[in-house]
Amino acid sequence: MPALILLTSYLLGSLVSGVLYSRARGADIRGRDLPGASGTYRQYGAAAAALVTGGDLLRGALAALLAQWAAPDLGWLAALGVVLGHCYPVFFRFRGGAGIVPLIGVLLVTAPLTLLLTLGVAALVIPAYRAWGQRRVGLNAVPFAAAVAVPLGMLFAARYGGLPELLAGGAVMAARSLHLLRRGGAA
């Protein structure tokens, strides 16, 4: 059962909404930006970003729901799989996004209070980072805020639930963010 949850979640994660959207528009967003919500917003506007965000949230929530149905204690495998698939999608030559929104989708199902508190921290960090650090660090504000908010979210998760999911998804996101920084801070 664990292998099936991980594989199914990974395959769901590999259906990267931003890549699918951009290809439907006749291009591949990854040539210019990351295929997540913020990259889609920069390349195609708010309506496209909302559509991509909805698809990414849905994939994360669906992975979590499938895990809860099959083995409720293995939600962390759903988080690991869907975020890993989004960051390194098998269908798109292992070049995906940062994994933030699919993890939010998982937490929406498994730990909504932890999600709310963590998003609150991110909402405070983003404007400060944009004002003082984005030009120096070179990473988009959303992945940076996630790198700050996820460790604090772990404190919330220890109390309100979702710690295994946050650890699993957060580890993949951290590795992906480091990879992007080494590559020159793309998006």
C-alpha atoms as a PDB file:
ATOM      1  CA  MET A   1       0.000   0.000   0.000  1.00  0.00           C
ATOM      2  CA  PRO A   2       2.713   2.567   0.798  1.00  0.00           C
ATOM      3  CA  ALA A   3       4.352   2.127  -2.613  1.00  0.00           C
ATOM      4  CA  LEU A   4       1.004   2.575  -4.346  1.00  0.00           C
ATOM      5  CA  ILE A   5       0.258   5.789  -2.408  1.00  0.00           C
ATOM      6  CA  LEU A   6       3.712   7.174  -3.215  1.00  0.00           C
ATOM      7  CA  LEU A   7       3.521   6.236  -6.904  1.00  0.00           C
ATOM      8  CA  THR A   8      -0.020   7.535  -7.388  1.00  0.00           C
ATOM      9  CA  SER A   9       0.827  10.796  -5.627  1.00  0.00           C
ATOM     10  CA  TYR A  10       4.010  11.193  -7.658  1.00  0.00           C
ATOM     11  CA  LEU A  11       2.129  10.677 -10.926  1.00  0.00           C
ATOM     12  CA  LEU A  12      -0.531  13.188  -9.845  1.00  0.00           C
ATOM     13  CA  GLY A  13       2.232  15.653  -8.981  1.00  0.00           C
ATOM     14  CA  SER A  14       3.855  15.106 -12.363  1.00  0.00           C
ATOM     15  CA  LEU A  15       0.818  16.597 -14.104  1.00  0.00           C
ATOM     16  CA  VAL A  16       2.210  20.108 -13.635  1.00  0.00           C
ATOM     17  CA  SER A  17      -0.647  22.530 -14.285  1.00  0.00           C
ATOM     18  CA  GLY A  18       1.584  25.388 -15.445  1.00  0.00           C
ATOM     19  CA  VAL A  19       3.276  23.246 -18.088  1.00  0.00           C
ATOM     20  CA  LEU A  20      -0.051  21.843 -19.267  1.00  0.00           C
ATOM     21  CA  TYR A  21      -1.541  25.348 -19.462  1.00  0.00           C
ATOM     22  CA  SER A  22       1.411  26.856 -21.304  1.00  0.00           C
ATOM     23  CA  ARG A  23       1.539  23.986 -23.782  1.00  0.00           C
ATOM     24  CA  ALA A  24      -2.166  24.436 -24.447  1.00  0.00           C
ATOM     25  CA  ARG A  25      -1.258  28.043 -25.310  1.00  0.00           C
ATOM     26  CA  GLY A  26       1.435  26.836 -27.740  1.00  0.00           C
ATOM     27  CA  ALA A  27       4.591  27.310 -25.647  1.00  0.00           C
ATOM     28  CA  ASP A  28       6.417  25.784 -22.709  1.00  0.00           C
ATOM     29  CA  ILE A  29       6.624  28.162 -19.765  1.00  0.00           C
ATOM     30  CA  ARG A  30       9.789  26.498 -18.491  1.00  0.00           C
ATOM     31  CA  GLY A  31      11.777  28.231 -21.218  1.00  0.00           C
ATOM     32  CA  ARG A  32      11.024  31.576 -19.561  1.00  0.00           C
ATOM     33  CA  ASP A  33       9.902  30.906 -15.982  1.00  0.00           C
ATOM     34  CA  LEU A  34       8.904  28.315 -13.402  1.00  0.00           C
ATOM     35  CA  PRO A  35       5.607  26.539 -14.135  1.00  0.00           C
ATOM     36  CA  GLY A  36       3.950  27.378 -10.824  1.00  0.00           C
ATOM     37  CA  ALA A  37       1.393  30.024  -9.960  1.00  0.00           C
ATOM     38  CA  SER A  38       3.828  32.946  -9.741  1.00  0.00           C
ATOM     39  CA  GLY A  39       5.569  32.088 -13.019  1.00  0.00           C
ATOM     40  CA  THR A  40       2.221  31.645 -14.735  1.00  0.00           C
ATOM     41  CA  TYR A  41       1.097  35.002 -13.359  1.00  0.00           C
ATOM     42  CA  ARG A  42       4.189  36.712 -14.738  1.00  0.00           C
ATOM     43  CA  GLN A  43       3.825  35.093 -18.160  1.00  0.00           C
ATOM     44  CA  TYR A  44       0.048  34.853 -18.678  1.00  0.00           C
ATOM     45  CA  GLY A  45      -1.732  37.006 -16.075  1.00  0.00           C
ATOM     46  CA  ALA A  46      -3.993  36.597 -13.079  1.00  0.00           C
ATOM     47  CA  ALA A  47      -6.706  34.421 -14.639  1.00  0.00           C
ATOM     48  CA  ALA A  48      -4.170  31.863 -15.858  1.00  0.00           C
ATOM     49  CA  ALA A  49      -2.404  31.902 -12.486  1.00  0.00           C
ATOM     50  CA  ALA A  50      -5.717  31.260 -10.708  1.00  0.00           C
ATOM     51  CA  LEU A  51      -6.408  28.308 -13.005  1.00  0.00           C
ATOM     52  CA  VAL A  52      -2.925  26.860 -12.481  1.00  0.00           C
ATOM     53  CA  THR A  53      -3.152  27.407  -8.719  1.00  0.00           C
ATOM     54  CA  GLY A  54      -6.485  25.606  -8.638  1.00  0.00           C
ATOM     55  CA  GLY A  55      -5.033  22.665 -10.562  1.00  0.00           C
ATOM     56  CA  ASP A  56      -2.002  22.458  -8.292  1.00  0.00           C
ATOM     57  CA  LEU A  57      -4.168  22.673  -5.141  1.00  0.00           C
ATOM     58  CA  LEU A  58      -6.496  20.022  -6.488  1.00  0.00           C
ATOM     59  CA  ARG A  59      -3.646  17.621  -7.218  1.00  0.00           C
ATOM     60  CA  GLY A  60      -2.305  17.979  -3.661  1.00  0.00           C
ATOM     61  CA  ALA A  61      -5.743  17.629  -2.083  1.00  0.00           C
ATOM     62  CA  LEU A  62      -6.567  14.612  -4.243  1.00  0.00           C
ATOM     63  CA  ALA A  63      -3.311  12.882  -3.275  1.00  0.00           C
ATOM     64  CA  ALA A  64      -4.077  13.505   0.405  1.00  0.00           C
ATOM     65  CA  LEU A  65      -7.656  12.274   0.072  1.00  0.00           C
ATOM     66  CA  LEU A  66      -6.502   9.112  -1.674  1.00  0.00           C
ATOM     67  CA  ALA A  67      -3.977   8.482   1.095  1.00  0.00           C
ATOM     68  CA  GLN A  68      -6.595   9.096   3.802  1.00  0.00           C
ATOM     69  CA  TRP A  69      -8.924   6.664   2.115  1.00  0.00           C
ATOM     70  CA  ALA A  70      -6.301   3.952   1.610  1.00  0.00           C
ATOM     71  CA  ALA A  71      -4.124   4.365   4.715  1.00  0.00           C
ATOM     72  CA  PRO A  72      -4.854   7.403   6.920  1.00  0.00           C
ATOM     73  CA  ASP A  73      -1.469   7.301   8.643  1.00  0.00           C
ATOM     74  CA  LEU A  74       0.407   7.613   5.321  1.00  0.00           C
ATOM     75  CA  GLY A  75      -0.553  11.161   4.362  1.00  0.00           C
ATOM     76  CA  TRP A  76       3.122  12.059   4.502  1.00  0.00           C
ATOM     77  CA  LEU A  77       3.742   9.733   1.546  1.00  0.00           C
ATOM     78  CA  ALA A  78       1.092  11.611  -0.428  1.00  0.00           C
ATOM     79  CA  ALA A  79       2.835  14.898   0.421  1.00  0.00           C
ATOM     80  CA  LEU A  80       6.228  13.503  -0.531  1.00  0.00           C
ATOM     81  CA  GLY A  81       4.956  12.041  -3.791  1.00  0.00           C
ATOM     82  CA  VAL A  82       2.894  14.977  -5.032  1.00  0.00           C
ATOM     83  CA  VAL A  83       5.584  17.564  -4.219  1.00  0.00           C
ATOM     84  CA  LEU A  84       8.326  15.375  -5.687  1.00  0.00           C
ATOM     85  CA  GLY A  85       6.229  14.931  -8.836  1.00  0.00           C
ATOM     86  CA  HIS A  86       5.603  18.668  -9.126  1.00  0.00           C
ATOM     87  CA  CYS A  87       9.300  19.505  -8.696  1.00  0.00           C
ATOM     88  CA  TYR A  88      10.616  16.638 -10.817  1.00  0.00           C
ATOM     89  CA  PRO A  89       7.763  15.552 -13.125  1.00  0.00           C
ATOM     90  CA  VAL A  90       8.285  12.322 -15.027  1.00  0.00           C
ATOM     91  CA  PHE A  91       6.066  13.597 -17.866  1.00  0.00           C
ATOM     92  CA  PHE A  92       8.105  16.775 -18.394  1.00  0.00           C
ATOM     93  CA  ARG A  93      11.728  15.649 -18.301  1.00  0.00           C
ATOM     94  CA  PHE A  94      11.974  16.134 -14.517  1.00  0.00           C
ATOM     95  CA  ARG A  95      11.823  19.961 -14.827  1.00  0.00           C
ATOM     96  CA  GLY A  96       8.985  21.318 -12.725  1.00  0.00           C
ATOM     97  CA  GLY A  97       8.107  23.956 -10.173  1.00  0.00           C
ATOM     98  CA  ALA A  98       8.878  24.591  -6.533  1.00  0.00           C
ATOM     99  CA  GLY A  99       6.086  22.423  -5.069  1.00  0.00           C
ATOM    100  CA  ILE A 100       4.503  24.970  -2.758  1.00  0.00           C
ATOM    101  CA  VAL A 101       0.894  24.866  -3.961  1.00  0.00           C
ATOM    102  CA  PRO A 102       0.617  21.059  -4.127  1.00  0.00           C
ATOM    103  CA  LEU A 103       1.864  20.916  -0.518  1.00  0.00           C
ATOM    104  CA  ILE A 104      -0.752  23.511   0.424  1.00  0.00           C
ATOM    105  CA  GLY A 105      -3.351  21.222  -1.184  1.00  0.00           C
ATOM    106  CA  VAL A 106      -2.188  18.303   0.953  1.00  0.00           C
ATOM    107  CA  LEU A 107      -2.254  20.391   4.135  1.00  0.00           C
ATOM    108  CA  LEU A 108      -5.691  21.740   3.267  1.00  0.00           C
ATOM    109  CA  VAL A 109      -6.955  18.182   3.694  1.00  0.00           C
ATOM    110  CA  THR A 110      -4.676  16.859   6.437  1.00  0.00           C
ATOM    111  CA  ALA A 111      -3.956  19.898   8.660  1.00  0.00           C
ATOM    112  CA  PRO A 112      -6.000  23.009   7.839  1.00  0.00           C
ATOM    113  CA  LEU A 113      -5.146  24.923  11.046  1.00  0.00           C
ATOM    114  CA  THR A 114      -1.426  24.340  10.570  1.00  0.00           C
ATOM    115  CA  LEU A 115      -1.824  25.507   6.981  1.00  0.00           C
ATOM    116  CA  LEU A 116      -3.609  28.687   8.038  1.00  0.00           C
ATOM    117  CA  LEU A 117      -0.932  29.609  10.593  1.00  0.00           C
ATOM    118  CA  THR A 118       1.907  28.816   8.192  1.00  0.00           C
ATOM    119  CA  LEU A 119       0.341  30.889   5.414  1.00  0.00           C
ATOM    120  CA  GLY A 120      -0.011  33.734   7.916  1.00  0.00           C
ATOM    121  CA  VAL A 121       3.739  33.668   8.546  1.00  0.00           C
ATOM    122  CA  ALA A 122       4.419  33.599   4.802  1.00  0.00           C
ATOM    123  CA  ALA A 123       2.105  36.578   4.291  1.00  0.00           C
ATOM    124  CA  LEU A 124       4.190  38.560   6.768  1.00  0.00           C
ATOM    125  CA  VAL A 125       7.546  37.481   5.298  1.00  0.00           C
ATOM    126  CA  ILE A 126       6.815  38.174   1.616  1.00  0.00           C
ATOM    127  CA  PRO A 127       6.522  41.997   1.777  1.00  0.00           C
ATOM    128  CA  ALA A 128       9.582  42.297   4.019  1.00  0.00           C
ATOM    129  CA  TYR A 129      11.667  40.079   1.757  1.00  0.00           C
ATOM    130  CA  ARG A 130      10.576  41.929  -1.377  1.00  0.00           C
ATOM    131  CA  ALA A 131      11.526  45.245   0.205  1.00  0.00           C
ATOM    132  CA  TRP A 132      14.909  44.254   1.664  1.00  0.00           C
ATOM    133  CA  GLY A 133      16.274  41.008   0.305  1.00  0.00           C
ATOM    134  CA  GLN A 134      14.958  39.876  -3.063  1.00  0.00           C
ATOM    135  CA  ARG A 135      17.478  41.797  -5.173  1.00  0.00           C
ATOM    136  CA  ARG A 136      20.401  40.491  -3.087  1.00  0.00           C
ATOM    137  CA  VAL A 137      19.278  36.855  -2.877  1.00  0.00           C
ATOM    138  CA  GLY A 138      17.715  36.657  -6.340  1.00  0.00           C
ATOM    139  CA  LEU A 139      15.031  34.099  -5.485  1.00  0.00           C
ATOM    140  CA  ASN A 140      11.354  34.792  -5.978  1.00  0.00           C
ATOM    141  CA  ALA A 141       9.565  35.884  -2.787  1.00  0.00           C
ATOM    142  CA  VAL A 142       7.223  32.899  -2.604  1.00  0.00           C
ATOM    143  CA  PRO A 143       9.909  30.157  -2.398  1.00  0.00           C
ATOM    144  CA  PHE A 144      11.855  32.331   0.044  1.00  0.00           C
ATOM    145  CA  ALA A 145       8.782  32.815   2.229  1.00  0.00           C
ATOM    146  CA  ALA A 146       8.172  29.067   2.127  1.00  0.00           C
ATOM    147  CA  ALA A 147      11.737  28.446   3.296  1.00  0.00           C
ATOM    148  CA  VAL A 148      11.032  30.682   6.305  1.00  0.00           C
ATOM    149  CA  ALA A 149       7.412  29.674   6.943  1.00  0.00           C
ATOM    150  CA  VAL A 150       7.835  25.892   6.678  1.00  0.00           C
ATOM    151  CA  PRO A 151      10.181  25.606   9.699  1.00  0.00           C
ATOM    152  CA  LEU A 152       7.789  27.765  11.725  1.00  0.00           C
ATOM    153  CA  GLY A 153       4.935  25.708  10.328  1.00  0.00           C
ATOM    154  CA  MET A 154       6.613  22.653  11.792  1.00  0.00           C
ATOM    155  CA  LEU A 155       6.182  24.159  15.233  1.00  0.00           C
ATOM    156  CA  PHE A 156       2.485  24.692  14.510  1.00  0.00           C
ATOM    157  CA  ALA A 157       2.226  21.181  13.056  1.00  0.00           C
ATOM    158  CA  ALA A 158       3.712  19.623  16.165  1.00  0.00           C
ATOM    159  CA  ARG A 159       0.754  21.069  18.070  1.00  0.00           C
ATOM    160  CA  TYR A 160      -2.094  21.063  15.517  1.00  0.00           C
ATOM    161  CA  GLY A 161      -1.191  18.172  13.182  1.00  0.00           C
ATOM    162  CA  GLY A 162       0.382  17.777   9.773  1.00  0.00           C
ATOM    163  CA  LEU A 163       4.019  17.468  10.858  1.00  0.00           C
ATOM    164  CA  PRO A 164       4.832  14.353   8.783  1.00  0.00           C
ATOM    165  CA  GLU A 165       3.281  15.917   5.673  1.00  0.00           C
ATOM    166  CA  LEU A 166       5.048  19.229   6.218  1.00  0.00           C
ATOM    167  CA  LEU A 167       8.405  17.518   6.786  1.00  0.00           C
ATOM    168  CA  ALA A 168       8.073  15.319   3.704  1.00  0.00           C
ATOM    169  CA  GLY A 169       6.895  18.065   1.346  1.00  0.00           C
ATOM    170  CA  GLY A 170       9.129  20.720   2.913  1.00  0.00           C
ATOM    171  CA  ALA A 171      12.250  18.602   2.434  1.00  0.00           C
ATOM    172  CA  VAL A 172      11.607  18.292  -1.293  1.00  0.00           C
ATOM    173  CA  MET A 173      10.814  22.021  -1.571  1.00  0.00           C
ATOM    174  CA  ALA A 174      14.007  22.942   0.275  1.00  0.00           C
ATOM    175  CA  ALA A 175      16.105  20.755  -2.022  1.00  0.00           C
ATOM    176  CA  ARG A 176      14.404  22.273  -5.060  1.00  0.00           C
ATOM    177  CA  SER A 177      14.974  25.838  -3.786  1.00  0.00           C
ATOM    178  CA  LEU A 178      18.668  25.120  -3.229  1.00  0.00           C
ATOM    179  CA  HIS A 179      18.886  23.713  -6.743  1.00  0.00           C
ATOM    180  CA  LEU A 180      17.272  26.873  -8.144  1.00  0.00           C
ATOM    181  CA  LEU A 181      19.641  29.107  -6.162  1.00  0.00           C
ATOM    182  CA  ARG A 182      22.658  27.254  -7.511  1.00  0.00           C
ATOM    183  CA  ARG A 183      21.235  27.598 -10.993  1.00  0.00           C
ATOM    184  CA  GLY A 184      21.160  31.345 -10.604  1.00  0.00           C
ATOM    185  CA  GLY A 185      17.967  32.029  -8.688  1.00  0.00           C
ATOM    186  CA  ALA A 186      15.638  31.381 -11.607  1.00  0.00           C
ATOM    187  CA  ALA A 187      12.177  32.744 -10.936  1.00  0.00           C
END
